[in-house]
PDB file of N, CA and C in Angstrom:
ATOM      1  N   MET A   1       0.240  58.785 220.190  1.00  0.00           N
ATOM      2  CA  MET A   1       0.695  59.790 221.151  1.00  0.00           C
ATOM      3  C   MET A   1       2.102  59.478 221.638  1.00  0.00           C
ATOM      4  N   SER A   2       2.572  58.251 221.492  1.00  0.00           N
ATOM      5  CA  SER A   2       3.870  57.855 222.031  1.00  0.00           C
ATOM      6  C   SER A   2       5.032  58.546 221.335  1.00  0.00           C
ATOM      7  N   ASP A   3       4.819  59.041 220.109  1.00  0.00           N
ATOM      8  CA  ASP A   3       5.928  59.703 219.423  1.00  0.00           C
ATOM      9  C   ASP A   3       5.966  61.208 219.674  1.00  0.00           C
ATOM     10  N   SER A   4       5.135  61.700 220.609  1.00  0.00           N
ATOM     11  CA  SER A   4       5.208  63.114 220.965  1.00  0.00           C
ATOM     12  C   SER A   4       6.472  63.343 221.798  1.00  0.00           C
ATOM     13  N   ILE A   5       7.096  64.483 221.587  1.00  0.00           N
ATOM     14  CA  ILE A   5       8.367  64.785 222.241  1.00  0.00           C
ATOM     15  C   ILE A   5       8.112  65.424 223.604  1.00  0.00           C
ATOM     16  N   VAL A   6       8.806  64.901 224.603  1.00  0.00           N
ATOM     17  CA  VAL A   6       8.698  65.443 225.956  1.00  0.00           C
ATOM     18  C   VAL A   6       9.690  66.597 226.070  1.00  0.00           C
ATOM     19  N   ARG A   7       9.186  67.787 226.399  1.00  0.00           N
ATOM     20  CA  ARG A   7      10.079  68.913 226.590  1.00  0.00           C
ATOM     21  C   ARG A   7       9.345  70.038 227.309  1.00  0.00           C
ATOM     22  N   TYR A   8      10.131  70.999 227.820  1.00  0.00           N
ATOM     23  CA  TYR A   8       9.543  72.175 228.453  1.00  0.00           C
ATOM     24  C   TYR A   8       9.094  73.158 227.381  1.00  0.00           C
ATOM     25  N   SER A   9       8.099  73.972 227.708  1.00  0.00           N
ATOM     26  CA  SER A   9       7.595  74.977 226.777  1.00  0.00           C
ATOM     27  C   SER A   9       8.657  76.052 226.547  1.00  0.00           C
ATOM     28  N   ASP A  10       8.516  76.791 225.464  1.00  0.00           N
ATOM     29  CA  ASP A  10       9.454  77.878 225.172  1.00  0.00           C
ATOM     30  C   ASP A  10       9.454  78.907 226.300  1.00  0.00           C
ATOM     31  N   LYS A  11       8.283  79.135 226.897  1.00  0.00           N
ATOM     32  CA  LYS A  11       8.176  80.087 228.011  1.00  0.00           C
ATOM     33  C   LYS A  11       9.017  79.590 229.197  1.00  0.00           C
ATOM     34  N   ASP A  12       8.879  78.301 229.524  1.00  0.00           N
ATOM     35  CA  ASP A  12       9.685  77.713 230.607  1.00  0.00           C
ATOM     36  C   ASP A  12      11.174  77.789 230.277  1.00  0.00           C
ATOM     37  N   LEU A  13      11.510  77.462 229.034  1.00  0.00           N
ATOM     38  CA  LEU A  13      12.919  77.478 228.626  1.00  0.00           C
ATOM     39  C   LEU A  13      13.499  78.876 228.758  1.00  0.00           C
ATOM     40  N   GLN A  14      12.699  79.898 228.419  1.00  0.00           N
ATOM     41  CA  GLN A  14      13.168  81.279 228.536  1.00  0.00           C
ATOM     42  C   GLN A  14      13.433  81.620 230.008  1.00  0.00           C
ATOM     43  N   GLU A  15      12.545  81.145 230.882  1.00  0.00           N
ATOM     44  CA  GLU A  15      12.715  81.375 232.326  1.00  0.00           C
ATOM     45  C   GLU A  15      14.008  80.719 232.817  1.00  0.00           C
ATOM     46  N   PHE A  16      14.255  79.478 232.408  1.00  0.00           N
ATOM     47  CA  PHE A  16      15.481  78.777 232.802  1.00  0.00           C
ATOM     48  C   PHE A  16      16.707  79.477 232.221  1.00  0.00           C
ATOM     49  N   LYS A  17      16.581  79.983 230.991  1.00  0.00           N
ATOM     50  CA  LYS A  17      17.697  80.674 230.346  1.00  0.00           C
ATOM     51  C   LYS A  17      18.101  81.894 231.174  1.00  0.00           C
ATOM     52  N   GLU A  18      17.135  82.637 231.661  1.00  0.00           N
ATOM     53  CA  GLU A  18      17.420  83.823 232.473  1.00  0.00           C
ATOM     54  C   GLU A  18      18.107  83.432 233.787  1.00  0.00           C
ATOM     55  N   ILE A  19      17.622  82.367 234.418  1.00  0.00           N
ATOM     56  CA  ILE A  19      18.229  81.873 235.662  1.00  0.00           C
ATOM     57  C   ILE A  19      19.695  81.501 235.398  1.00  0.00           C
ATOM     58  N   ILE A  20      19.922  80.763 234.319  1.00  0.00           N
ATOM     59  CA  ILE A  20      21.265  80.276 233.991  1.00  0.00           C
ATOM     60  C   ILE A  20      22.200  81.434 233.648  1.00  0.00           C
ATOM     61  N   GLU A  21      21.708  82.399 232.874  1.00  0.00           N
ATOM     62  CA  GLU A  21      22.555  83.545 232.510  1.00  0.00           C
ATOM     63  C   GLU A  21      22.971  84.332 233.751  1.00  0.00           C
ATOM     64  N   LYS A  22      22.059  84.469 234.723  1.00  0.00           N
ATOM     65  CA  LYS A  22      22.408  85.149 235.976  1.00  0.00           C
ATOM     66  C   LYS A  22      23.460  84.351 236.731  1.00  0.00           C
ATOM     67  N   LYS A  23      23.283  83.023 236.760  1.00  0.00           N
ATOM     68  CA  LYS A  23      24.253  82.173 237.461  1.00  0.00           C
ATOM     69  C   LYS A  23      25.624  82.224 236.790  1.00  0.00           C
ATOM     70  N   ILE A  24      25.655  82.291 235.470  1.00  0.00           N
ATOM     71  CA  ILE A  24      26.928  82.379 234.744  1.00  0.00           C
ATOM     72  C   ILE A  24      27.620  83.695 235.098  1.00  0.00           C
ATOM     73  N   ALA A  25      26.866  84.800 235.088  1.00  0.00           N
ATOM     74  CA  ALA A  25      27.449  86.111 235.413  1.00  0.00           C
ATOM     75  C   ALA A  25      28.027  86.095 236.825  1.00  0.00           C
ATOM     76  N   ARG A  26      27.277  85.532 237.764  1.00  0.00           N
ATOM     77  CA  ARG A  26      27.727  85.448 239.159  1.00  0.00           C
ATOM     78  C   ARG A  26      28.961  84.549 239.277  1.00  0.00           C
ATOM     79  N   ALA A  27      28.923  83.418 238.580  1.00  0.00           N
ATOM     80  CA  ALA A  27      30.038  82.466 238.630  1.00  0.00           C
ATOM     81  C   ALA A  27      31.308  83.081 238.042  1.00  0.00           C
ATOM     82  N   LYS A  28      31.153  83.885 236.989  1.00  0.00           N
ATOM     83  CA  LYS A  28      32.324  84.540 236.384  1.00  0.00           C
ATOM     84  C   LYS A  28      32.915  85.568 237.353  1.00  0.00           C
ATOM     85  N   GLU A  29      32.055  86.282 238.073  1.00  0.00           N
ATOM     86  CA  GLU A  29      32.538  87.232 239.083  1.00  0.00           C
ATOM     87  C   GLU A  29      33.315  86.491 240.166  1.00  0.00           C
ATOM     88  N   ASP A  30      32.740  85.386 240.652  1.00  0.00           N
ATOM     89  CA  ASP A  30      33.405  84.589 241.687  1.00  0.00           C
ATOM     90  C   ASP A  30      34.746  84.055 241.185  1.00  0.00           C
ATOM     91  N   LEU A  31      34.767  83.607 239.932  1.00  0.00           N
ATOM     92  CA  LEU A  31      35.993  83.074 239.347  1.00  0.00           C
ATOM     93  C   LEU A  31      37.053  84.168 239.275  1.00  0.00           C
ATOM     94  N   ALA A  32      36.659  85.363 238.867  1.00  0.00           N
ATOM     95  CA  ALA A  32      37.614  86.479 238.776  1.00  0.00           C
ATOM     96  C   ALA A  32      38.205  86.787 240.150  1.00  0.00           C
ATOM     97  N   LEU A  33      37.370  86.747 241.191  1.00  0.00           N
ATOM     98  CA  LEU A  33      37.860  86.974 242.558  1.00  0.00           C
ATOM     99  C   LEU A  33      38.864  85.901 242.965  1.00  0.00           C
ATOM    100  N   LEU A  34      38.519  84.652 242.684  1.00  0.00           N
ATOM    101  CA  LEU A  34      39.426  83.548 243.022  1.00  0.00           C
ATOM    102  C   LEU A  34      40.757  83.694 242.295  1.00  0.00           C
ATOM    103  N   GLU A  35      40.669  83.968 240.993  1.00  0.00           N
ATOM    104  CA  GLU A  35      41.893  84.081 240.202  1.00  0.00           C
ATOM    105  C   GLU A  35      42.760  85.227 240.703  1.00  0.00           C
ATOM    106  N   SER A  36      42.138  86.358 241.023  1.00  0.00           N
ATOM    107  CA  SER A  36      42.945  87.493 241.487  1.00  0.00           C
ATOM    108  C   SER A  36      43.576  87.171 242.837  1.00  0.00           C
ATOM    109  N   SER A  37      42.921  86.340 243.632  1.00  0.00           N
ATOM    110  CA  SER A  37      43.470  86.018 244.954  1.00  0.00           C
ATOM    111  C   SER A  37      44.737  85.180 244.857  1.00  0.00           C
ATOM    112  N   TYR A  38      44.872  84.351 243.824  1.00  0.00           N
ATOM    113  CA  TYR A  38      46.108  83.569 243.741  1.00  0.00           C
ATOM    114  C   TYR A  38      47.078  84.088 242.681  1.00  0.00           C
ATOM    115  N   LYS A  39      46.630  84.991 241.837  1.00  0.00           N
ATOM    116  CA  LYS A  39      47.556  85.539 240.836  1.00  0.00           C
ATOM    117  C   LYS A  39      48.238  86.809 241.335  1.00  0.00           C
ATOM    118  N   ASN A  40      47.575  87.563 242.179  1.00  0.00           N
ATOM    119  CA  ASN A  40      48.110  88.863 242.610  1.00  0.00           C
ATOM    120  C   ASN A  40      48.682  88.821 244.022  1.00  0.00           C
ATOM    121  N   ASP A  41      49.044  87.655 244.495  1.00  0.00           N
ATOM    122  CA  ASP A  41      49.584  87.565 245.845  1.00  0.00           C
ATOM    123  C   ASP A  41      50.990  88.129 245.949  1.00  0.00           C
ATOM    124  N   ALA A  42      51.674  88.220 244.836  1.00  0.00           N
ATOM    125  CA  ALA A  42      53.022  88.787 244.861  1.00  0.00           C
ATOM    126  C   ALA A  42      52.894  90.310 244.848  1.00  0.00           C
ATOM    127  N   ASP A  43      52.576  90.867 245.995  1.00  0.00           N
ATOM    128  CA  ASP A  43      52.328  92.314 246.053  1.00  0.00           C
ATOM    129  C   ASP A  43      53.613  93.106 246.283  1.00  0.00           C
ATOM    130  N   ASN A  44      54.740  92.406 246.386  1.00  0.00           N
ATOM    131  CA  ASN A  44      56.041  93.058 246.533  1.00  0.00           C
ATOM    132  C   ASN A  44      56.075  94.096 247.650  1.00  0.00           C
ATOM    133  N   GLY A  45      55.462  93.783 248.749  1.00  0.00           N
ATOM    134  CA  GLY A  45      55.478  94.687 249.895  1.00  0.00           C
ATOM    135  C   GLY A  45      56.853  94.669 250.555  1.00  0.00           C
ATOM    136  N   THR A  46      57.042  95.542 251.529  1.00  0.00           N
ATOM    137  CA  THR A  46      58.342  95.613 252.203  1.00  0.00           C
ATOM    138  C   THR A  46      58.476  94.561 253.288  1.00  0.00           C
ATOM    139  N   ASP A  47      57.367  93.914 253.651  1.00  0.00           N
ATOM    140  CA  ASP A  47      57.445  92.943 254.752  1.00  0.00           C
ATOM    141  C   ASP A  47      58.300  91.729 254.395  1.00  0.00           C
ATOM    142  N   ASP A  48      58.553  91.483 253.105  1.00  0.00           N
ATOM    143  CA  ASP A  48      59.371  90.327 252.757  1.00  0.00           C
ATOM    144  C   ASP A  48      60.860  90.598 252.952  1.00  0.00           C
ATOM    145  N   THR A  49      61.237  91.850 253.270  1.00  0.00           N
ATOM    146  CA  THR A  49      62.647  92.152 253.517  1.00  0.00           C
ATOM    147  C   THR A  49      62.973  92.152 255.004  1.00  0.00           C
ATOM    148  N   SER A  50      61.934  92.226 255.838  1.00  0.00           N
ATOM    149  CA  SER A  50      62.199  92.233 257.280  1.00  0.00           C
ATOM    150  C   SER A  50      62.481  90.815 257.758  1.00  0.00           C
ATOM    151  N   PRO A  51      63.518  90.636 258.577  1.00  0.00           N
ATOM    152  CA  PRO A  51      63.845  89.288 259.049  1.00  0.00           C
ATOM    153  C   PRO A  51      62.808  88.815 260.076  1.00  0.00           C
ATOM    154  N   SER A  52      61.996  87.871 259.678  1.00  0.00           N
ATOM    155  CA  SER A  52      61.004  87.320 260.602  1.00  0.00           C
ATOM    156  C   SER A  52      60.809  85.842 260.286  1.00  0.00           C
ATOM    157  N   PHE A  53      60.174  85.153 261.204  1.00  0.00           N
ATOM    158  CA  PHE A  53      59.939  83.728 261.003  1.00  0.00           C
ATOM    159  C   PHE A  53      58.634  83.560 260.231  1.00  0.00           C
ATOM    160  N   LYS A  54      58.772  83.457 258.916  1.00  0.00           N
ATOM    161  CA  LYS A  54      57.588  83.442 258.070  1.00  0.00           C
ATOM    162  C   LYS A  54      57.272  82.067 257.489  1.00  0.00           C
ATOM    163  N   SER A  55      58.055  81.059 257.807  1.00  0.00           N
ATOM    164  CA  SER A  55      57.852  79.782 257.125  1.00  0.00           C
ATOM    165  C   SER A  55      56.440  79.226 257.335  1.00  0.00           C
ATOM    166  N   PHE A  56      55.886  79.412 258.536  1.00  0.00           N
ATOM    167  CA  PHE A  56      54.523  78.919 258.777  1.00  0.00           C
ATOM    168  C   PHE A  56      53.529  79.702 257.940  1.00  0.00           C
ATOM    169  N   ASP A  57      53.694  81.017 257.917  1.00  0.00           N
ATOM    170  CA  ASP A  57      52.811  81.858 257.115  1.00  0.00           C
ATOM    171  C   ASP A  57      52.872  81.481 255.644  1.00  0.00           C
ATOM    172  N   GLU A  58      54.096  81.276 255.152  1.00  0.00           N
ATOM    173  CA  GLU A  58      54.250  80.937 253.742  1.00  0.00           C
ATOM    174  C   GLU A  58      53.587  79.604 253.429  1.00  0.00           C
ATOM    175  N   GLY A  59      53.685  78.664 254.367  1.00  0.00           N
ATOM    176  CA  GLY A  59      53.032  77.373 254.175  1.00  0.00           C
ATOM    177  C   GLY A  59      51.529  77.515 254.085  1.00  0.00           C
ATOM    178  N   SER A  60      50.951  78.319 254.973  1.00  0.00           N
ATOM    179  CA  SER A  60      49.497  78.481 254.940  1.00  0.00           C
ATOM    180  C   SER A  60      49.073  79.304 253.730  1.00  0.00           C
ATOM    181  N   ASP A  61      49.925  80.260 253.319  1.00  0.00           N
ATOM    182  CA  ASP A  61      49.630  81.017 252.092  1.00  0.00           C
ATOM    183  C   ASP A  61      49.593  80.078 250.894  1.00  0.00           C
ATOM    184  N   THR A  62      50.559  79.175 250.839  1.00  0.00           N
ATOM    185  CA  THR A  62      50.618  78.224 249.728  1.00  0.00           C
ATOM    186  C   THR A  62      49.387  77.325 249.729  1.00  0.00           C
ATOM    187  N   MET A  63      48.999  76.857 250.912  1.00  0.00           N
ATOM    188  CA  MET A  63      47.793  76.016 251.004  1.00  0.00           C
ATOM    189  C   MET A  63      46.558  76.787 250.563  1.00  0.00           C
ATOM    190  N   ALA A  64      46.437  78.037 250.991  1.00  0.00           N
ATOM    191  CA  ALA A  64      45.287  78.860 250.618  1.00  0.00           C
ATOM    192  C   ALA A  64      45.276  79.080 249.110  1.00  0.00           C
ATOM    193  N   LYS A  65      46.453  79.314 248.549  1.00  0.00           N
ATOM    194  CA  LYS A  65      46.558  79.529 247.108  1.00  0.00           C
ATOM    195  C   LYS A  65      46.122  78.271 246.357  1.00  0.00           C
ATOM    196  N   GLU A  66      46.594  77.107 246.818  1.00  0.00           N
ATOM    197  CA  GLU A  66      46.217  75.838 246.177  1.00  0.00           C
ATOM    198  C   GLU A  66      44.717  75.598 246.292  1.00  0.00           C
ATOM    199  N   ALA A  67      44.156  75.918 247.461  1.00  0.00           N
ATOM    200  CA  ALA A  67      42.710  75.749 247.652  1.00  0.00           C
ATOM    201  C   ALA A  67      41.950  76.650 246.687  1.00  0.00           C
ATOM    202  N   ASN A  68      42.422  77.879 246.505  1.00  0.00           N
ATOM    203  CA  ASN A  68      41.765  78.805 245.576  1.00  0.00           C
ATOM    204  C   ASN A  68      41.889  78.337 244.132  1.00  0.00           C
ATOM    205  N   VAL A  69      43.028  77.739 243.794  1.00  0.00           N
ATOM    206  CA  VAL A  69      43.199  77.193 242.442  1.00  0.00           C
ATOM    207  C   VAL A  69      42.181  76.071 242.226  1.00  0.00           C
ATOM    208  N   GLN A  70      42.029  75.191 243.228  1.00  0.00           N
ATOM    209  CA  GLN A  70      41.054  74.106 243.122  1.00  0.00           C
ATOM    210  C   GLN A  70      39.628  74.653 242.985  1.00  0.00           C
ATOM    211  N   LEU A  71      39.316  75.667 243.775  1.00  0.00           N
ATOM    212  CA  LEU A  71      37.989  76.289 243.682  1.00  0.00           C
ATOM    213  C   LEU A  71      37.778  76.913 242.302  1.00  0.00           C
ATOM    214  N   ALA A  72      38.824  77.534 241.775  1.00  0.00           N
ATOM    215  CA  ALA A  72      38.731  78.150 240.452  1.00  0.00           C
ATOM    216  C   ALA A  72      38.481  77.091 239.378  1.00  0.00           C
ATOM    217  N   ILE A  73      39.141  75.951 239.504  1.00  0.00           N
ATOM    218  CA  ILE A  73      38.944  74.856 238.540  1.00  0.00           C
ATOM    219  C   ILE A  73      37.498  74.372 238.600  1.00  0.00           C
ATOM    220  N   ARG A  74      36.977  74.216 239.823  1.00  0.00           N
ATOM    221  CA  ARG A  74      35.577  73.798 239.975  1.00  0.00           C
ATOM    222  C   ARG A  74      34.622  74.848 239.406  1.00  0.00           C
ATOM    223  N   GLN A  75      34.968  76.114 239.622  1.00  0.00           N
ATOM    224  CA  GLN A  75      34.137  77.212 239.128  1.00  0.00           C
ATOM    225  C   GLN A  75      34.113  77.215 237.593  1.00  0.00           C
ATOM    226  N   GLU A  76      35.267  76.973 236.982  1.00  0.00           N
ATOM    227  CA  GLU A  76      35.337  76.908 235.512  1.00  0.00           C
ATOM    228  C   GLU A  76      34.471  75.766 234.983  1.00  0.00           C
ATOM    229  N   LYS A  77      34.493  74.626 235.667  1.00  0.00           N
ATOM    230  CA  LYS A  77      33.667  73.488 235.257  1.00  0.00           C
ATOM    231  C   LYS A  77      32.183  73.844 235.407  1.00  0.00           C
ATOM    232  N   PHE A  78      31.828  74.529 236.492  1.00  0.00           N
ATOM    233  CA  PHE A  78      30.448  74.956 236.738  1.00  0.00           C
ATOM    234  C   PHE A  78      29.979  75.876 235.594  1.00  0.00           C
ATOM    235  N   ILE A  79      30.820  76.822 235.211  1.00  0.00           N
ATOM    236  CA  ILE A  79      30.476  77.743 234.115  1.00  0.00           C
ATOM    237  C   ILE A  79      30.292  76.960 232.821  1.00  0.00           C
ATOM    238  N   ARG A  80      31.193  76.006 232.562  1.00  0.00           N
ATOM    239  CA  ARG A  80      31.089  75.174 231.351  1.00  0.00           C
ATOM    240  C   ARG A  80      29.784  74.376 231.365  1.00  0.00           C
ATOM    241  N   ASP A  81      29.425  73.805 232.529  1.00  0.00           N
ATOM    242  CA  ASP A  81      28.177  73.050 232.651  1.00  0.00           C
ATOM    243  C   ASP A  81      26.967  73.946 232.397  1.00  0.00           C
ATOM    244  N   LEU A  82      27.019  75.166 232.917  1.00  0.00           N
ATOM    245  CA  LEU A  82      25.915  76.115 232.708  1.00  0.00           C
ATOM    246  C   LEU A  82      25.804  76.502 231.230  1.00  0.00           C
ATOM    247  N   LYS A  83      26.948  76.695 230.572  1.00  0.00           N
ATOM    248  CA  LYS A  83      26.924  77.032 229.142  1.00  0.00           C
ATOM    249  C   LYS A  83      26.370  75.861 228.325  1.00  0.00           C
ATOM    250  N   ASN A  84      26.705  74.642 228.742  1.00  0.00           N
ATOM    251  CA  ASN A  84      26.140  73.461 228.079  1.00  0.00           C
ATOM    252  C   ASN A  84      24.629  73.423 228.262  1.00  0.00           C
ATOM    253  N   ALA A  85      24.153  73.840 229.444  1.00  0.00           N
ATOM    254  CA  ALA A  85      22.713  73.894 229.702  1.00  0.00           C
ATOM    255  C   ALA A  85      22.050  74.907 228.769  1.00  0.00           C
ATOM    256  N   LEU A  86      22.714  76.043 228.551  1.00  0.00           N
ATOM    257  CA  LEU A  86      22.179  77.038 227.595  1.00  0.00           C
ATOM    258  C   LEU A  86      22.069  76.430 226.198  1.00  0.00           C
ATOM    259  N   GLN A  87      23.060  75.628 225.831  1.00  0.00           N
ATOM    260  CA  GLN A  87      23.036  74.963 224.522  1.00  0.00           C
ATOM    261  C   GLN A  87      21.835  74.018 224.430  1.00  0.00           C
ATOM    262  N   ARG A  88      21.552  73.299 225.525  1.00  0.00           N
ATOM    263  CA  ARG A  88      20.392  72.395 225.536  1.00  0.00           C
ATOM    264  C   ARG A  88      19.090  73.188 225.433  1.00  0.00           C
ATOM    265  N   ILE A  89      19.071  74.407 225.995  1.00  0.00           N
ATOM    266  CA  ILE A  89      17.882  75.255 225.863  1.00  0.00           C
ATOM    267  C   ILE A  89      17.692  75.603 224.387  1.00  0.00           C
ATOM    268  N   GLU A  90      18.783  75.979 223.717  1.00  0.00           N
ATOM    269  CA  GLU A  90      18.713  76.298 222.282  1.00  0.00           C
ATOM    270  C   GLU A  90      18.199  75.094 221.483  1.00  0.00           C
ATOM    271  N   ASN A  91      18.655  73.899 221.859  1.00  0.00           N
ATOM    272  CA  ASN A  91      18.244  72.665 221.166  1.00  0.00           C
ATOM    273  C   ASN A  91      16.871  72.174 221.610  1.00  0.00           C
ATOM    274  N   LYS A  92      16.315  72.832 222.617  1.00  0.00           N
ATOM    275  CA  LYS A  92      15.018  72.461 223.214  1.00  0.00           C
ATOM    276  C   LYS A  92      15.056  71.064 223.846  1.00  0.00           C
ATOM    277  N   THR A  93      16.246  70.652 224.298  1.00  0.00           N
ATOM    278  CA  THR A  93      16.365  69.371 224.997  1.00  0.00           C
ATOM    279  C   THR A  93      16.605  69.599 226.485  1.00  0.00           C
ATOM    280  N   TYR A  94      16.607  70.865 226.902  1.00  0.00           N
ATOM    281  CA  TYR A  94      16.878  71.204 228.304  1.00  0.00           C
ATOM    282  C   TYR A  94      15.801  70.637 229.223  1.00  0.00           C
ATOM    283  N   GLY A  95      16.246  70.118 230.372  1.00  0.00           N
ATOM    284  CA  GLY A  95      15.307  69.654 231.384  1.00  0.00           C
ATOM    285  C   GLY A  95      14.799  68.249 231.168  1.00  0.00           C
ATOM    286  N   VAL A  96      15.345  67.566 230.156  1.00  0.00           N
ATOM    287  CA  VAL A  96      14.957  66.176 229.897  1.00  0.00           C
ATOM    288  C   VAL A  96      16.068  65.280 230.439  1.00  0.00           C
ATOM    289  N   CYS A  97      15.698  64.343 231.306  1.00  0.00           N
ATOM    290  CA  CYS A  97      16.678  63.430 231.900  1.00  0.00           C
ATOM    291  C   CYS A  97      17.336  62.594 230.805  1.00  0.00           C
ATOM    292  N   ARG A  98      18.666  62.546 230.816  1.00  0.00           N
ATOM    293  CA  ARG A  98      19.371  61.797 229.774  1.00  0.00           C
ATOM    294  C   ARG A  98      19.289  60.291 229.969  1.00  0.00           C
ATOM    295  N   VAL A  99      18.772  59.851 231.115  1.00  0.00           N
ATOM    296  CA  VAL A  99      18.619  58.413 231.356  1.00  0.00           C
ATOM    297  C   VAL A  99      17.172  57.974 231.138  1.00  0.00           C
ATOM    298  N   THR A 100      16.247  58.644 231.826  1.00  0.00           N
ATOM    299  CA  THR A 100      14.843  58.218 231.765  1.00  0.00           C
ATOM    300  C   THR A 100      14.070  58.842 230.602  1.00  0.00           C
ATOM    301  N   GLY A 101      14.554  59.977 230.082  1.00  0.00           N
ATOM    302  CA  GLY A 101      13.836  60.670 229.010  1.00  0.00           C
ATOM    303  C   GLY A 101      12.639  61.466 229.512  1.00  0.00           C
ATOM    304  N   LYS A 102      12.451  61.460 230.835  1.00  0.00           N
ATOM    305  CA  LYS A 102      11.345  62.224 231.427  1.00  0.00           C
ATOM    306  C   LYS A 102      11.821  63.624 231.788  1.00  0.00           C
ATOM    307  N   LEU A 103      10.860  64.514 232.019  1.00  0.00           N
ATOM    308  CA  LEU A 103      11.223  65.869 232.429  1.00  0.00           C
ATOM    309  C   LEU A 103      11.792  65.853 233.841  1.00  0.00           C
ATOM    310  N   ILE A 104      12.845  66.623 234.029  1.00  0.00           N
ATOM    311  CA  ILE A 104      13.414  66.830 235.365  1.00  0.00           C
ATOM    312  C   ILE A 104      12.521  67.866 236.054  1.00  0.00           C
ATOM    313  N   MET A 105      12.217  67.651 237.332  1.00  0.00           N
ATOM    314  CA  MET A 105      11.328  68.568 238.046  1.00  0.00           C
ATOM    315  C   MET A 105      11.860  69.996 238.007  1.00  0.00           C
ATOM    316  N   LYS A 106      10.939  70.942 237.837  1.00  0.00           N
ATOM    317  CA  LYS A 106      11.319  72.367 237.786  1.00  0.00           C
ATOM    318  C   LYS A 106      12.069  72.793 239.037  1.00  0.00           C
ATOM    319  N   GLU A 107      11.635  72.302 240.194  1.00  0.00           N
ATOM    320  CA  GLU A 107      12.272  72.692 241.458  1.00  0.00           C
ATOM    321  C   GLU A 107      13.749  72.300 241.433  1.00  0.00           C
ATOM    322  N   ARG A 108      14.032  71.109 240.912  1.00  0.00           N
ATOM    323  CA  ARG A 108      15.418  70.639 240.827  1.00  0.00           C
ATOM    324  C   ARG A 108      16.211  71.524 239.869  1.00  0.00           C
ATOM    325  N   LEU A 109      15.624  71.855 238.739  1.00  0.00           N
ATOM    326  CA  LEU A 109      16.332  72.663 237.744  1.00  0.00           C
ATOM    327  C   LEU A 109      16.592  74.081 238.249  1.00  0.00           C
ATOM    328  N   LYS A 110      15.692  74.588 239.072  1.00  0.00           N
ATOM    329  CA  LYS A 110      15.912  75.930 239.619  1.00  0.00           C
ATOM    330  C   LYS A 110      17.075  75.920 240.609  1.00  0.00           C
ATOM    331  N   LEU A 111      17.234  74.829 241.337  1.00  0.00           N
ATOM    332  CA  LEU A 111      18.342  74.694 242.290  1.00  0.00           C
ATOM    333  C   LEU A 111      19.638  74.294 241.591  1.00  0.00           C
ATOM    334  N   VAL A 112      19.529  73.371 240.644  1.00  0.00           N
ATOM    335  CA  VAL A 112      20.697  72.841 239.922  1.00  0.00           C
ATOM    336  C   VAL A 112      20.396  72.978 238.422  1.00  0.00           C
ATOM    337  N   PRO A 113      20.528  74.198 237.886  1.00  0.00           N
ATOM    338  CA  PRO A 113      20.085  74.425 236.508  1.00  0.00           C
ATOM    339  C   PRO A 113      20.873  73.682 235.435  1.00  0.00           C
ATOM    340  N   HIS A 114      22.029  73.123 235.810  1.00  0.00           N
ATOM    341  CA  HIS A 114      22.816  72.371 234.823  1.00  0.00           C
ATOM    342  C   HIS A 114      22.574  70.864 234.936  1.00  0.00           C
ATOM    343  N   ALA A 115      21.578  70.466 235.735  1.00  0.00           N
ATOM    344  CA  ALA A 115      21.287  69.041 235.930  1.00  0.00           C
ATOM    345  C   ALA A 115      20.889  68.371 234.609  1.00  0.00           C
ATOM    346  N   THR A 116      21.379  67.161 234.408  1.00  0.00           N
ATOM    347  CA  THR A 116      20.990  66.385 233.223  1.00  0.00           C
ATOM    348  C   THR A 116      20.310  65.080 233.631  1.00  0.00           C
ATOM    349  N   LEU A 117      20.200  64.881 234.951  1.00  0.00           N
ATOM    350  CA  LEU A 117      19.561  63.663 235.462  1.00  0.00           C
ATOM    351  C   LEU A 117      18.399  64.020 236.378  1.00  0.00           C
ATOM    352  N   SER A 118      17.335  63.256 236.302  1.00  0.00           N
ATOM    353  CA  SER A 118      16.243  63.405 237.256  1.00  0.00           C
ATOM    354  C   SER A 118      16.702  62.820 238.577  1.00  0.00           C
ATOM    355  N   ILE A 119      15.971  63.127 239.652  1.00  0.00           N
ATOM    356  CA  ILE A 119      16.304  62.554 240.965  1.00  0.00           C
ATOM    357  C   ILE A 119      16.275  61.032 240.870  1.00  0.00           C
ATOM    358  N   GLU A 120      15.283  60.519 240.183  1.00  0.00           N
ATOM    359  CA  GLU A 120      15.114  59.064 240.013  1.00  0.00           C
ATOM    360  C   GLU A 120      16.377  58.448 239.398  1.00  0.00           C
ATOM    361  N   ALA A 121      16.878  59.035 238.320  1.00  0.00           N
ATOM    362  CA  ALA A 121      18.076  58.509 237.657  1.00  0.00           C
ATOM    363  C   ALA A 121      19.306  58.698 238.529  1.00  0.00           C
ATOM    364  N   LYS A 122      19.369  59.808 239.245  1.00  0.00           N
ATOM    365  CA  LYS A 122      20.516  60.112 240.109  1.00  0.00           C
ATOM    366  C   LYS A 122      20.611  59.066 241.224  1.00  0.00           C
ATOM    367  N   ARG A 123      19.455  58.708 241.783  1.00  0.00           N
ATOM    368  CA  ARG A 123      19.434  57.700 242.862  1.00  0.00           C
ATOM    369  C   ARG A 123      19.911  56.342 242.387  1.00  0.00           C
ATOM    370  N   ASN A 124      19.644  56.037 241.129  1.00  0.00           N
ATOM    371  CA  ASN A 124      19.998  54.718 240.584  1.00  0.00           C
ATOM    372  C   ASN A 124      21.436  54.622 240.101  1.00  0.00           C
ATOM    373  N   GLN A 125      22.186  55.716 240.245  1.00  0.00           N
ATOM    374  CA  GLN A 125      23.584  55.709 239.787  1.00  0.00           C
ATOM    375  C   GLN A 125      24.436  54.777 240.616  1.00  0.00           C
TER     376      GLN A 125
END
C-alpha cells in the first residue's frame, strides 16, 4: 500500500480548478484597474496650466503611482502562481505538499488555492 499515490480525486480537482479560474479572472480585472490607474494618469487636463502650488500633490501622486506599480507586480505574481496551480491540477499533483508529500487541507486550498505547502511544512520554514 505504501506505493499508492496521494492525491485529490478528479472531482475535487475540478472543484479547485473552478475556484482558481474564478480567482484568475478576478485578479486579471484587478490588475487591469491597477495598470490603468498608473498608465492613464496623464489626462492632459487644463489644471496643469494654472499656476498653483502642486509640488505636494505631485509627490503624493508619484507615491500613489509607485504603490500601484508594486501592487500590480504582486498581482502579476499571484496570477502566475494561480496558473501554476492549474498546471498542477492538470498533472494531478495539485494539493500535495511539496515538503511532506501529504495532502494540503481543503480549507487551506480554498483560502489559498496556489498553496504548495501544508500548514505543518509552512510552520517549519
